[in-house]
N, C-alpha and C. Protein backbone atom coordinates (compact mmCIF):
# COMPACT_ATOMS: atom_id res chain seq x y z
N MET A 1 0.82 -1.08 0.00
CA MET A 1 -0.03 0.02 0.00
C MET A 1 0.88 1.33 0.11
N SER A 2 0.57 2.33 -0.60
CA SER A 2 1.23 3.55 -0.75
C SER A 2 0.42 4.42 -0.91
N HIS A 3 0.83 5.56 -0.37
CA HIS A 3 0.25 7.13 -0.59
C HIS A 3 1.43 8.05 -0.45
N ARG A 4 0.79 9.38 -0.48
CA ARG A 4 1.73 10.29 -0.36
C ARG A 4 1.59 11.33 0.64
N VAL A 5 2.56 11.86 1.41
CA VAL A 5 2.34 12.90 2.65
C VAL A 5 3.44 14.30 2.00
N GLY A 6 2.82 15.26 1.66
CA GLY A 6 3.77 16.20 1.24
C GLY A 6 4.60 15.70 0.38
N ILE A 7 6.06 16.01 0.15
CA ILE A 7 6.66 15.35 -0.61
C ILE A 7 7.12 14.02 -0.71
N PHE A 8 6.62 13.35 0.38
CA PHE A 8 7.34 12.04 0.69
C PHE A 8 6.22 10.98 0.09
N ASP A 9 6.79 10.05 -1.00
CA ASP A 9 6.14 8.83 -1.10
C ASP A 9 6.10 7.90 0.13
N ILE A 10 4.93 7.43 0.66
CA ILE A 10 5.12 6.27 1.78
C ILE A 10 4.62 4.92 1.31
N PHE A 11 5.19 4.12 1.72
CA PHE A 11 5.12 2.60 1.21
C PHE A 11 4.86 1.83 2.73
N VAL A 12 3.53 1.38 2.52
CA VAL A 12 3.40 0.70 3.68
C VAL A 12 3.26 -0.92 3.77
N PHE A 13 3.88 -1.71 4.80
CA PHE A 13 3.89 -3.12 4.22
C PHE A 13 3.46 -3.91 5.88
N GLU A 14 2.76 -4.82 5.78
CA GLU A 14 2.45 -5.64 7.02
C GLU A 14 3.56 -5.99 7.98
N ARG A 15 4.68 -6.64 7.09
CA ARG A 15 5.96 -7.41 7.71
C ARG A 15 7.15 -7.40 6.49
N LEU A 16 8.13 -6.75 7.19
CA LEU A 16 9.53 -6.74 6.47
C LEU A 16 10.54 -7.22 7.37
N PRO A 17 11.41 -8.21 6.70
CA PRO A 17 12.66 -8.37 7.47
C PRO A 17 13.45 -6.88 7.96
N SER A 18 13.37 -6.15 7.28
CA SER A 18 14.26 -4.82 7.60
C SER A 18 13.80 -3.57 6.58
N THR A 19 13.40 -2.52 7.11
CA THR A 19 12.76 -1.49 6.26
C THR A 19 14.11 -1.09 5.76
N GLN A 20 15.23 -0.95 6.33
CA GLN A 20 16.41 -0.21 6.19
C GLN A 20 16.94 -1.04 4.82
N HIS A 21 17.03 -2.35 4.72
CA HIS A 21 17.43 -3.19 3.82
C HIS A 21 16.59 -2.80 2.61
N TYR A 22 15.09 -2.71 2.84
CA TYR A 22 14.41 -2.93 1.68
C TYR A 22 14.39 -1.39 0.89
N LEU A 23 14.71 -0.49 1.62
CA LEU A 23 14.71 0.95 0.95
C LEU A 23 16.14 1.09 0.27
N VAL A 24 16.78 0.73 1.07
CA VAL A 24 18.42 0.94 0.21
C VAL A 24 18.45 0.16 -0.88
N ASP A 25 17.90 -1.04 -0.71
CA ASP A 25 17.69 -1.88 -2.33
C ASP A 25 16.88 -1.30 -3.28
N ALA A 26 15.77 -0.93 -2.92
CA ALA A 26 14.66 -0.23 -3.69
C ALA A 26 15.27 0.95 -4.41
N LEU A 27 16.28 1.87 -3.75
CA LEU A 27 16.94 2.95 -4.29
C LEU A 27 17.82 2.79 -5.09
N LYS A 28 18.78 1.70 -4.72
CA LYS A 28 19.69 0.95 -5.84
C LYS A 28 18.93 0.61 -7.26
N ASP A 29 17.86 -0.05 -7.06
CA ASP A 29 17.07 -0.57 -8.08
C ASP A 29 16.22 0.48 -9.06
N LYS A 30 16.53 1.59 -8.34
CA LYS A 30 15.38 2.52 -8.78
C LYS A 30 13.82 2.20 -8.91
N ARG A 31 13.38 1.23 -8.13
CA ARG A 31 12.09 0.85 -7.80
C ARG A 31 11.53 2.16 -6.78
N ILE A 32 12.34 2.77 -5.89
CA ILE A 32 11.79 3.80 -5.42
C ILE A 32 12.66 5.12 -5.61
N ALA A 33 12.13 6.09 -5.51
CA ALA A 33 12.90 7.63 -5.84
C ALA A 33 12.56 8.33 -4.51
N ALA A 34 13.70 8.83 -3.81
CA ALA A 34 13.47 9.86 -2.70
C ALA A 34 12.88 11.35 -3.32
N PRO A 35 12.47 11.85 -2.39
CA PRO A 35 12.24 11.42 -0.90
C PRO A 35 11.04 10.34 -0.90
N ALA A 36 11.17 9.48 0.01
CA ALA A 36 10.43 8.23 0.39
C ALA A 36 10.59 8.01 1.86
N VAL A 37 9.37 6.75 2.22
CA VAL A 37 9.51 6.16 3.24
C VAL A 37 8.97 4.89 3.32
N VAL A 38 9.59 3.82 3.90
CA VAL A 38 9.04 2.53 3.95
C VAL A 38 8.59 2.44 5.72
N LEU A 39 7.43 1.88 5.54
CA LEU A 39 7.01 1.49 7.12
C LEU A 39 6.27 0.17 7.25
N CYS A 40 6.62 -0.41 8.13
CA CYS A 40 5.98 -1.75 8.56
C CYS A 40 5.57 -1.90 9.75
N LYS A 41 4.59 -2.69 9.77
CA LYS A 41 3.83 -3.15 11.18
C LYS A 41 4.58 -4.12 11.89
N ALA A 42 5.42 -5.05 11.24
CA ALA A 42 6.36 -5.87 12.13
C ALA A 42 7.66 -6.15 11.30
N GLN A 43 8.54 -6.07 12.06
CA GLN A 43 9.73 -6.22 11.46
C GLN A 43 10.80 -7.53 12.17
N THR A 44 11.39 -8.20 11.22
CA THR A 44 12.09 -9.32 11.64
C THR A 44 13.45 -9.51 11.48
N ASP A 45 14.11 -8.65 11.07
CA ASP A 45 15.52 -8.70 11.14
C ASP A 45 15.93 -7.10 10.78
N GLY A 46 15.58 -6.45 11.72
CA GLY A 46 16.02 -4.97 11.40
C GLY A 46 17.38 -4.95 12.02
N ILE A 47 17.90 -3.70 11.73
CA ILE A 47 19.22 -3.12 11.90
C ILE A 47 19.33 -2.38 12.97
N GLY A 48 20.28 -2.75 14.09
CA GLY A 48 20.30 -2.21 15.24
C GLY A 48 21.94 -1.46 15.22
N SER A 49 22.21 -1.03 16.43
CA SER A 49 23.32 -0.62 16.60
C SER A 49 24.76 -1.60 16.75
N ARG A 50 25.76 -1.37 16.26
CA ARG A 50 26.85 -2.34 16.36
C ARG A 50 26.50 -3.63 15.94
N GLU A 51 25.69 -3.41 14.48
CA GLU A 51 25.48 -4.55 13.85
C GLU A 51 24.15 -5.74 14.62
N ASN A 52 23.75 -5.11 15.78
CA ASN A 52 22.69 -5.97 16.47
C ASN A 52 21.51 -5.64 15.53
N ARG A 53 20.69 -6.99 16.05
CA ARG A 53 19.36 -6.91 15.20
C ARG A 53 18.32 -6.11 16.19
N TRP A 54 17.33 -5.46 15.51
CA TRP A 54 16.20 -4.84 16.06
C TRP A 54 14.90 -5.46 15.52
N GLU A 55 14.34 -6.20 16.34
CA GLU A 55 13.05 -6.89 15.95
C GLU A 55 11.89 -6.05 16.62
N GLY A 56 10.71 -6.62 16.30
CA GLY A 56 9.64 -6.19 16.61
C GLY A 56 8.44 -6.51 16.44
N VAL A 57 7.20 -6.14 17.03
CA VAL A 57 5.83 -6.69 16.98
C VAL A 57 4.83 -5.78 16.35
N ASP A 58 3.82 -5.88 15.92
CA ASP A 58 2.72 -5.02 15.47
C ASP A 58 2.47 -4.04 16.67
N GLY A 59 2.32 -2.76 16.13
CA GLY A 59 1.93 -1.63 17.32
C GLY A 59 2.99 -0.76 17.46
N ASN A 60 4.65 -1.33 17.02
CA ASN A 60 5.57 -0.40 17.38
C ASN A 60 6.09 0.13 16.11
N PHE A 61 7.24 0.85 16.12
CA PHE A 61 7.27 1.74 14.97
C PHE A 61 8.72 1.48 14.36
N PHE A 62 8.49 1.06 13.12
CA PHE A 62 9.68 0.58 12.15
C PHE A 62 9.66 1.24 10.83
N ALA A 63 10.40 2.07 10.45
CA ALA A 63 10.72 2.86 9.33
C ALA A 63 11.92 3.35 8.91
N SER A 64 11.90 3.54 7.63
CA SER A 64 13.49 4.15 6.98
C SER A 64 12.76 5.14 6.11
N ILE A 65 13.74 6.21 6.28
CA ILE A 65 13.40 7.47 5.42
C ILE A 65 14.25 7.80 4.45
N ALA A 66 14.17 7.90 3.16
CA ALA A 66 15.31 8.54 2.40
C ALA A 66 15.04 9.92 1.90
N VAL A 67 16.19 10.58 2.08
CA VAL A 67 15.92 12.02 1.69
C VAL A 67 17.06 12.44 0.57
N PRO A 68 17.17 13.10 -0.34
CA PRO A 68 18.02 13.61 -0.92
C PRO A 68 18.82 14.66 -0.44
N LEU A 69 20.08 14.50 -0.64
CA LEU A 69 21.03 15.01 0.34
C LEU A 69 20.79 16.84 -0.06
N ILE A 70 20.14 17.23 -1.07
CA ILE A 70 20.19 18.72 -1.67
C ILE A 70 19.00 19.22 -0.62
N LEU A 71 18.13 18.43 -0.09
CA LEU A 71 16.91 18.84 0.67
C LEU A 71 17.39 19.01 2.19
N LEU A 72 18.35 18.35 2.60
CA LEU A 72 18.93 18.63 4.17
C LEU A 72 19.52 20.34 4.19
N PRO A 73 19.32 20.50 5.40
CA PRO A 73 19.89 21.86 5.85
C PRO A 73 21.47 21.73 5.44
N GLU A 74 21.73 23.22 4.75
CA GLU A 74 23.01 23.34 4.74
C GLU A 74 24.11 23.28 5.65
N ASP A 75 23.65 23.41 6.81
CA ASP A 75 24.46 23.46 7.71
C ASP A 75 24.67 22.01 8.71
N LEU A 76 23.84 21.21 8.07
CA LEU A 76 23.83 19.88 8.97
C LEU A 76 25.04 18.94 8.83
N PRO A 77 25.69 18.79 9.73
CA PRO A 77 27.09 17.92 9.68
C PRO A 77 26.43 16.31 9.07
N LEU A 78 26.89 15.58 8.23
CA LEU A 78 26.23 14.67 8.04
C LEU A 78 26.75 13.43 8.90
N ALA A 79 27.83 13.62 9.88
CA ALA A 79 28.25 12.80 10.57
C ALA A 79 27.44 13.00 11.89
N SER A 80 26.57 13.78 12.05
CA SER A 80 25.67 13.87 13.23
C SER A 80 24.02 13.92 12.86
N ALA A 81 23.82 13.22 11.47
CA ALA A 81 22.50 13.16 11.17
C ALA A 81 21.59 12.61 12.20
N SER A 82 22.25 11.32 12.56
CA SER A 82 21.34 10.70 13.41
C SER A 82 20.83 11.35 14.50
N ILE A 83 21.41 12.38 15.14
CA ILE A 83 20.93 13.14 16.29
C ILE A 83 19.99 14.18 15.64
N TYR A 84 19.95 14.59 14.30
CA TYR A 84 19.10 15.55 13.65
C TYR A 84 17.98 14.61 13.51
N PHE A 85 17.84 13.86 12.74
CA PHE A 85 16.70 12.70 12.62
C PHE A 85 15.96 12.59 13.85
N SER A 86 16.79 11.88 14.86
CA SER A 86 16.31 11.55 15.93
C SER A 86 15.40 12.49 17.09
N PHE A 87 16.39 13.51 17.35
CA PHE A 87 15.73 14.59 17.84
C PHE A 87 14.53 15.16 17.51
N LEU A 88 14.25 15.35 16.28
CA LEU A 88 13.07 15.67 15.68
C LEU A 88 11.83 14.77 15.83
N MET A 89 12.27 13.53 15.95
CA MET A 89 11.32 12.40 16.48
C MET A 89 10.96 12.67 17.91
N LYS A 90 11.83 12.85 18.66
CA LYS A 90 11.67 13.08 20.25
C LYS A 90 10.68 14.24 20.04
N LYS A 91 10.71 15.25 19.57
CA LYS A 91 10.05 16.40 19.80
C LYS A 91 8.48 16.10 19.36
N VAL A 92 8.30 15.49 18.38
CA VAL A 92 7.04 14.96 17.86
C VAL A 92 6.35 13.98 19.04
N LEU A 93 6.86 12.96 19.67
CA LEU A 93 6.53 12.22 20.40
C LEU A 93 6.60 12.64 22.09
N GLN A 94 7.19 13.66 22.24
CA GLN A 94 7.48 14.21 23.47
C GLN A 94 6.01 14.61 24.42
N LYS A 95 4.99 15.05 23.47
CA LYS A 95 3.77 15.19 24.29
C LYS A 95 3.23 14.06 24.42
N GLU A 96 3.37 12.96 23.83
CA GLU A 96 2.96 11.57 23.88
C GLU A 96 3.53 10.89 25.37
N SER A 97 4.63 10.97 25.23
CA SER A 97 5.53 10.56 26.43
C SER A 97 6.22 11.40 27.12
N GLU A 98 6.11 11.69 28.20
CA GLU A 98 6.92 12.80 28.80
C GLU A 98 8.30 12.17 29.35
N ASP A 99 8.46 10.85 29.56
CA ASP A 99 9.82 10.51 29.96
C ASP A 99 10.57 10.22 28.81
N LEU A 100 10.45 10.62 27.57
CA LEU A 100 10.95 10.38 26.32
C LEU A 100 12.29 11.56 26.42
N TRP A 101 13.56 10.69 26.11
CA TRP A 101 14.83 11.74 25.79
C TRP A 101 15.42 10.94 24.95
N LEU A 102 16.57 11.89 24.54
CA LEU A 102 17.53 11.26 23.45
C LEU A 102 18.88 11.24 24.10
N LYS A 103 19.67 10.02 23.90
CA LYS A 103 20.85 9.79 24.43
C LYS A 103 21.54 9.62 23.43
N TRP A 104 22.92 10.32 23.73
CA TRP A 104 23.94 10.63 22.73
C TRP A 104 24.50 9.33 21.85
N PRO A 105 24.09 9.20 20.51
CA PRO A 105 23.85 10.16 19.67
C PRO A 105 22.47 9.74 19.26
N ASN A 106 22.10 8.60 19.52
CA ASN A 106 21.01 8.23 18.36
C ASN A 106 19.66 7.52 19.37
N ASP A 107 19.96 7.34 20.78
CA ASP A 107 19.14 6.15 21.69
C ASP A 107 17.76 6.89 21.88
N PHE A 108 16.60 6.58 21.76
CA PHE A 108 15.40 6.77 22.45
C PHE A 108 15.75 6.21 23.68
N TYR A 109 15.28 7.09 24.81
CA TYR A 109 15.01 6.16 26.32
C TYR A 109 13.96 6.85 26.73
N THR A 110 13.41 5.97 27.40
CA THR A 110 12.02 6.35 28.53
C THR A 110 12.67 6.03 30.10
N GLY A 111 12.81 7.06 30.63
CA GLY A 111 13.22 6.94 31.98
C GLY A 111 15.01 6.31 31.72
N SER A 112 15.26 5.24 32.26
CA SER A 112 16.53 4.70 31.99
C SER A 112 16.58 3.54 31.41
N LYS A 113 15.41 3.36 30.53
CA LYS A 113 15.40 2.21 29.62
C LYS A 113 15.39 2.82 28.18
N LYS A 114 16.36 1.99 27.04
CA LYS A 114 16.18 1.96 25.67
C LYS A 114 15.16 1.67 25.07
N ALA A 115 14.31 2.70 24.50
CA ALA A 115 13.01 2.18 23.96
C ALA A 115 13.11 2.23 22.18
N GLY A 116 14.42 2.49 21.66
CA GLY A 116 14.57 2.72 20.28
C GLY A 116 15.96 3.47 19.84
N GLY A 117 16.17 3.46 18.46
CA GLY A 117 17.25 4.02 18.17
C GLY A 117 17.05 4.24 16.46
N THR A 118 18.26 4.86 16.01
CA THR A 118 18.32 5.55 14.65
C THR A 118 19.30 5.04 14.15
N ILE A 119 19.73 4.78 12.78
CA ILE A 119 20.74 4.32 12.29
C ILE A 119 20.75 4.94 10.94
N THR A 120 21.70 5.95 10.28
CA THR A 120 21.72 6.53 8.90
C THR A 120 22.93 5.92 8.20
N GLN A 121 22.55 5.83 6.92
CA GLN A 121 23.52 5.71 6.00
C GLN A 121 23.61 6.58 4.55
N LYS A 122 24.51 6.89 3.83
CA LYS A 122 24.40 7.65 2.61
C LYS A 122 24.34 6.38 1.45
N VAL A 123 23.50 6.79 0.64
CA VAL A 123 23.33 6.09 -0.48
C VAL A 123 23.21 6.69 -1.76
N GLY A 124 24.57 7.10 -2.45
CA GLY A 124 24.65 7.77 -3.57
C GLY A 124 24.58 9.38 -2.98
N ASN A 125 23.38 9.82 -3.84
CA ASN A 125 23.00 11.54 -3.17
C ASN A 125 22.15 11.38 -2.11
N THR A 126 21.56 10.35 -1.67
CA THR A 126 20.38 10.20 -0.64
C THR A 126 20.98 9.66 0.76
N LEU A 127 20.50 10.40 1.74
CA LEU A 127 20.45 10.05 3.03
C LEU A 127 19.45 8.95 3.37
N VAL A 128 19.66 7.77 3.94
CA VAL A 128 18.56 6.71 4.52
C VAL A 128 18.67 6.89 5.85
N CYS A 129 17.51 7.17 6.66
CA CYS A 129 17.68 7.00 8.03
C CYS A 129 16.25 6.02 8.47
N GLY A 130 17.37 5.03 9.00
CA GLY A 130 16.16 3.90 9.65
C GLY A 130 15.70 4.01 11.07
N MET A 131 14.62 3.93 11.40
CA MET A 131 14.17 4.10 12.80
C MET A 131 13.35 3.24 13.33
N GLY A 132 13.63 2.67 14.78
CA GLY A 132 12.73 1.47 15.18
C GLY A 132 12.39 2.20 16.70
N ILE A 133 11.14 2.30 17.20
CA ILE A 133 10.88 2.91 18.54
C ILE A 133 9.89 1.90 18.94
N ASN A 134 10.04 1.64 20.27
CA ASN A 134 8.83 0.43 21.03
C ASN A 134 7.86 1.55 21.58
N LEU A 135 6.92 1.86 20.59
CA LEU A 135 5.65 2.62 20.91
C LEU A 135 5.02 2.08 22.27
N LYS A 136 4.66 0.67 22.02
CA LYS A 136 3.56 0.30 22.97
C LYS A 136 4.07 -0.93 23.75
N THR A 137 5.15 -1.84 23.18
CA THR A 137 5.38 -2.75 23.95
C THR A 137 7.02 -3.14 23.81
N ALA A 138 7.64 -3.82 24.56
CA ALA A 138 8.86 -4.15 24.51
C ALA A 138 9.32 -5.29 25.62
N PRO A 139 10.42 -6.25 24.88
CA PRO A 139 11.00 -7.11 25.77
C PRO A 139 11.80 -6.75 26.95
N GLU A 140 12.09 -7.22 27.95
CA GLU A 140 13.01 -6.71 28.87
C GLU A 140 14.35 -7.02 28.10
N PRO A 141 15.50 -6.09 28.54
CA PRO A 141 15.31 -5.07 29.47
C PRO A 141 15.02 -3.65 28.70
N TYR A 142 14.50 -3.64 27.79
CA TYR A 142 14.09 -2.45 27.10
C TYR A 142 12.75 -1.77 27.61
N GLY A 143 12.38 -0.52 27.28
CA GLY A 143 11.66 0.24 27.92
C GLY A 143 10.33 0.55 26.35
N ALA A 144 9.27 0.90 26.89
CA ALA A 144 8.20 1.38 25.82
C ALA A 144 7.43 2.47 26.18
N LEU A 145 7.07 3.33 25.08
CA LEU A 145 6.96 4.41 25.31
C LEU A 145 5.27 4.95 25.88
N GLN A 146 4.46 3.58 25.54
CA GLN A 146 3.08 3.61 25.90
C GLN A 146 2.16 4.61 25.23
N VAL A 147 2.70 4.86 23.96
CA VAL A 147 2.14 5.89 23.30
C VAL A 147 0.93 5.16 22.66
N LYS A 148 -0.16 5.94 22.55
CA LYS A 148 -1.58 5.52 22.27
C LYS A 148 -1.63 5.78 20.65
N ARG A 149 -1.23 6.67 19.97
CA ARG A 149 -1.35 6.69 18.43
C ARG A 149 -0.59 5.34 17.87
N GLU A 150 -1.11 5.07 16.60
CA GLU A 150 -0.68 4.04 15.74
C GLU A 150 0.53 4.48 14.99
N ALA A 151 1.44 3.67 14.47
CA ALA A 151 2.86 4.14 13.99
C ALA A 151 2.35 4.70 12.80
N GLN A 152 1.55 4.73 11.91
CA GLN A 152 1.20 5.46 10.58
C GLN A 152 1.03 6.86 11.08
N GLU A 153 0.38 7.02 11.96
CA GLU A 153 -0.22 8.38 12.52
C GLU A 153 1.24 8.95 13.12
N VAL A 154 2.14 8.24 13.64
CA VAL A 154 3.28 8.92 14.33
C VAL A 154 4.12 9.54 13.06
N LEU A 155 4.20 8.59 12.00
CA LEU A 155 5.09 8.69 10.94
C LEU A 155 4.67 9.92 10.19
N GLU A 156 3.29 10.34 9.88
CA GLU A 156 2.73 11.21 9.28
C GLU A 156 2.87 12.69 9.85
N MET A 157 2.88 12.54 11.18
CA MET A 157 3.32 13.76 12.24
C MET A 157 4.86 13.99 12.09
N TYR A 158 5.54 13.15 12.29
CA TYR A 158 7.22 13.07 11.81
C TYR A 158 7.54 13.67 10.59
N ILE A 159 6.56 13.22 9.49
CA ILE A 159 7.02 13.75 8.13
C ILE A 159 6.31 15.29 8.16
N GLU A 160 5.30 15.62 8.74
CA GLU A 160 5.14 17.18 8.89
C GLU A 160 6.27 17.87 8.99
N VAL A 161 6.74 17.56 10.22
CA VAL A 161 7.80 18.22 10.87
C VAL A 161 9.18 18.23 10.01
N LEU A 162 9.56 17.10 9.81
CA LEU A 162 10.70 17.04 9.01
C LEU A 162 10.86 17.76 7.68
N SER A 163 9.55 17.84 6.93
CA SER A 163 9.56 18.37 5.70
C SER A 163 9.76 19.87 5.44
N HIS A 164 9.85 20.43 6.94
CA HIS A 164 10.51 21.83 7.12
C HIS A 164 11.97 22.10 7.07
N PHE A 165 12.69 20.93 7.13
CA PHE A 165 13.80 20.73 7.35
C PHE A 165 14.72 21.83 8.03
N PRO A 166 14.27 21.83 9.52
CA PRO A 166 14.89 23.17 10.45
C PRO A 166 16.36 22.96 10.08
N LYS A 167 16.99 24.11 10.49
CA LYS A 167 18.34 24.29 10.48
C LYS A 167 19.02 23.45 11.53
N TRP A 168 20.38 22.96 11.20
CA TRP A 168 20.81 22.04 12.42
C TRP A 168 21.17 23.00 13.63
N LYS A 169 21.33 24.45 13.49
CA LYS A 169 21.91 24.98 14.43
C LYS A 169 20.54 25.14 15.30
N GLN A 170 19.32 25.13 14.73
CA GLN A 170 18.22 25.45 15.95
C GLN A 170 18.00 23.96 16.31
N VAL A 171 18.26 22.86 15.82
CA VAL A 171 17.79 21.41 16.44
C VAL A 171 19.24 21.63 17.55
N PHE A 172 20.06 21.68 17.34
CA PHE A 172 21.08 21.59 18.43
C PHE A 172 21.14 22.15 19.48
N SER A 173 20.36 23.70 19.08
CA SER A 173 20.59 24.18 20.51
C SER A 173 19.73 23.89 21.49
N GLU A 174 18.51 22.97 21.20
CA GLU A 174 17.82 22.14 21.82
C GLU A 174 18.40 21.23 22.41
N TYR A 175 19.00 20.31 21.81
CA TYR A 175 19.40 19.02 21.91
C TYR A 175 20.66 19.19 22.93
N ARG A 176 21.44 20.48 22.79
CA ARG A 176 22.43 20.55 23.75
C ARG A 176 22.17 20.55 25.04
N VAL A 177 20.77 21.17 25.55
CA VAL A 177 20.39 20.96 26.96
C VAL A 177 20.06 19.74 27.21
N GLU A 178 19.49 18.76 26.45
CA GLU A 178 19.14 17.74 26.95
C GLU A 178 20.40 16.55 27.17
N PHE A 179 21.41 17.10 26.47
CA PHE A 179 22.51 16.20 26.25
C PHE A 179 23.12 15.68 27.63
N GLU A 180 22.85 16.68 28.67
CA GLU A 180 23.33 16.75 30.13
C GLU A 180 22.54 15.05 30.88
N LYS A 181 21.49 14.52 30.10
CA LYS A 181 20.96 13.62 30.67
C LYS A 181 22.02 12.20 30.18
N SER A 182 22.52 12.36 29.15
CA SER A 182 23.62 11.36 28.63
C SER A 182 24.66 11.17 29.43
N LYS A 183 25.07 12.21 30.16
CA LYS A 183 26.01 12.01 30.99
C LYS A 183 26.34 10.93 32.16
N GLY A 184 24.98 10.64 32.58
CA GLY A 184 25.17 9.20 33.33
C GLY A 184 25.33 7.97 32.82
N TYR A 185 25.59 8.08 31.52
CA TYR A 185 25.57 6.60 30.67
C TYR A 185 26.94 6.55 29.94
N SER A 186 27.19 5.75 29.05
CA SER A 186 28.22 5.30 28.64
C SER A 186 27.89 5.01 27.08
N VAL A 187 28.94 4.87 26.12
CA VAL A 187 28.62 4.74 24.92
C VAL A 187 29.97 3.79 24.21
N HIS A 188 29.48 2.88 23.22
CA HIS A 188 30.42 2.42 22.51
C HIS A 188 31.15 3.09 21.39
N ILE A 189 32.56 2.95 21.79
CA ILE A 189 33.54 3.68 20.88
C ILE A 189 34.89 2.95 20.43
N GLU A 190 34.72 2.85 19.15
CA GLU A 190 35.94 1.71 18.90
C GLU A 190 35.95 0.37 19.75
N ASN A 191 34.51 0.08 19.68
CA ASN A 191 34.51 -1.21 20.23
C ASN A 191 34.93 -1.50 21.91
N ARG A 192 35.16 -0.32 22.58
CA ARG A 192 35.08 -0.16 24.00
C ARG A 192 34.16 0.65 24.58
N ARG A 193 33.77 0.42 25.73
CA ARG A 193 32.73 1.39 26.53
C ARG A 193 33.24 2.63 27.03
N LYS A 194 32.90 3.78 26.85
CA LYS A 194 33.40 4.87 27.21
C LYS A 194 32.36 5.70 27.86
N SER A 195 32.63 6.14 29.38
CA SER A 195 31.98 6.81 30.30
C SER A 195 31.46 8.26 29.39
N LEU A 196 30.21 8.97 29.47
CA LEU A 196 29.96 10.19 29.13
C LEU A 196 29.86 11.33 30.11
N GLU A 197 30.54 10.77 31.21
CA GLU A 197 30.66 11.93 32.26
C GLU A 197 31.03 13.21 32.29
N ASN A 198 32.40 13.02 31.52
CA ASN A 198 33.32 14.01 31.54
C ASN A 198 33.23 14.50 29.96
N ALA A 199 32.53 13.94 29.12
CA ALA A 199 32.52 14.26 27.81
C ALA A 199 31.81 15.76 27.49
N GLN A 200 32.45 16.41 26.38
CA GLN A 200 31.90 17.67 26.07
C GLN A 200 31.41 17.68 24.71
N LEU A 201 30.10 18.21 24.45
CA LEU A 201 29.56 18.14 23.26
C LEU A 201 30.00 19.22 22.18
N CYS A 202 30.38 19.10 21.19
CA CYS A 202 30.91 20.14 20.36
C CYS A 202 29.60 20.69 19.60
N GLU A 203 29.95 21.66 18.66
CA GLU A 203 29.05 22.46 17.84
C GLU A 203 28.42 21.52 16.72
N ASP A 204 29.22 20.66 16.35
CA ASP A 204 28.79 19.66 14.99
C ASP A 204 28.36 18.48 15.55
N GLY A 205 27.81 18.30 16.79
CA GLY A 205 27.30 16.99 17.23
C GLY A 205 28.24 15.95 17.85
N SER A 206 29.65 16.50 17.47
CA SER A 206 30.73 15.38 17.90
C SER A 206 31.18 15.57 19.47
N LEU A 207 31.57 14.69 20.24
CA LEU A 207 32.24 14.79 21.46
C LEU A 207 33.28 14.99 21.47
N LEU A 208 33.82 15.44 22.59
CA LEU A 208 35.39 15.55 23.07
C LEU A 208 35.52 14.67 24.28
N ILE A 209 36.29 13.48 24.13
CA ILE A 209 36.26 12.62 25.45
C ILE A 209 37.71 12.21 25.36
N GLU A 210 38.40 12.42 26.56
CA GLU A 210 39.42 12.20 26.69
C GLU A 210 40.56 12.90 25.86
N GLY A 211 40.40 14.18 25.63
CA GLY A 211 41.23 14.87 24.44
C GLY A 211 40.77 14.46 22.89
N LYS A 212 40.14 13.66 22.62
CA LYS A 212 39.90 12.96 21.45
C LYS A 212 38.36 13.20 20.86
N LYS A 213 38.34 13.87 19.68
CA LYS A 213 37.10 14.04 19.13
C LYS A 213 36.27 12.91 18.54
N VAL A 214 35.28 12.47 18.90
CA VAL A 214 34.42 11.28 18.45
C VAL A 214 33.21 12.01 17.85
N TYR A 215 32.67 11.00 16.65
CA TYR A 215 31.58 11.34 16.00
C TYR A 215 30.67 9.90 16.14
N SER A 216 29.39 10.27 15.87
CA SER A 216 28.61 8.98 15.68
C SER A 216 29.20 8.32 14.65
N SER A 217 29.08 6.86 14.75
CA SER A 217 29.24 5.89 13.86
C SER A 217 28.16 5.34 13.23
N ARG A 218 26.95 6.02 13.18
CA ARG A 218 25.67 5.57 12.93
C ARG A 218 25.14 6.74 12.20
């Protein structure tokens, strides 16, 4: 099933192994042209961080979004695109789930539990952003946002916000305040876990940790 929201073609499936794999292959085969979104109700072999799988059942959010690079804000550092896409979704959902926040660089948290994440990759002149969020249910030790809206409604709300393509500077100014919550956590950098307690957030979305500048690898 497909329809259009603004400039985005939306393709909705009952079940896919991975929205990210499907959309990337469709772009390469020219079956789909950006800007476009692939949404599925259940995902069986999704892509998570550090090559982990992110699976889920009906009711949660599984989507991948393809945006031509030319449409993205000129000031957006592509290495920090996951922060940009994730924080815009956080703003969409924060009225539905007050405990929702974004851990650097791309993990959705509810309270102290991870509830989803974002992964980005460049495909030719297109940026593909895959996003998985536990809207309603989650296995332990993960969290769920308990959002009453359905995934397709959430997607259309998100596309409406994304279509304005706010400047990176605007998004970053808001995220900078929220980054303080990340300091109680750690991240994997070069296959090693690093505490964020003393990390400094730079203007381009990277971190300064132990004197070394680190960008999101996703």
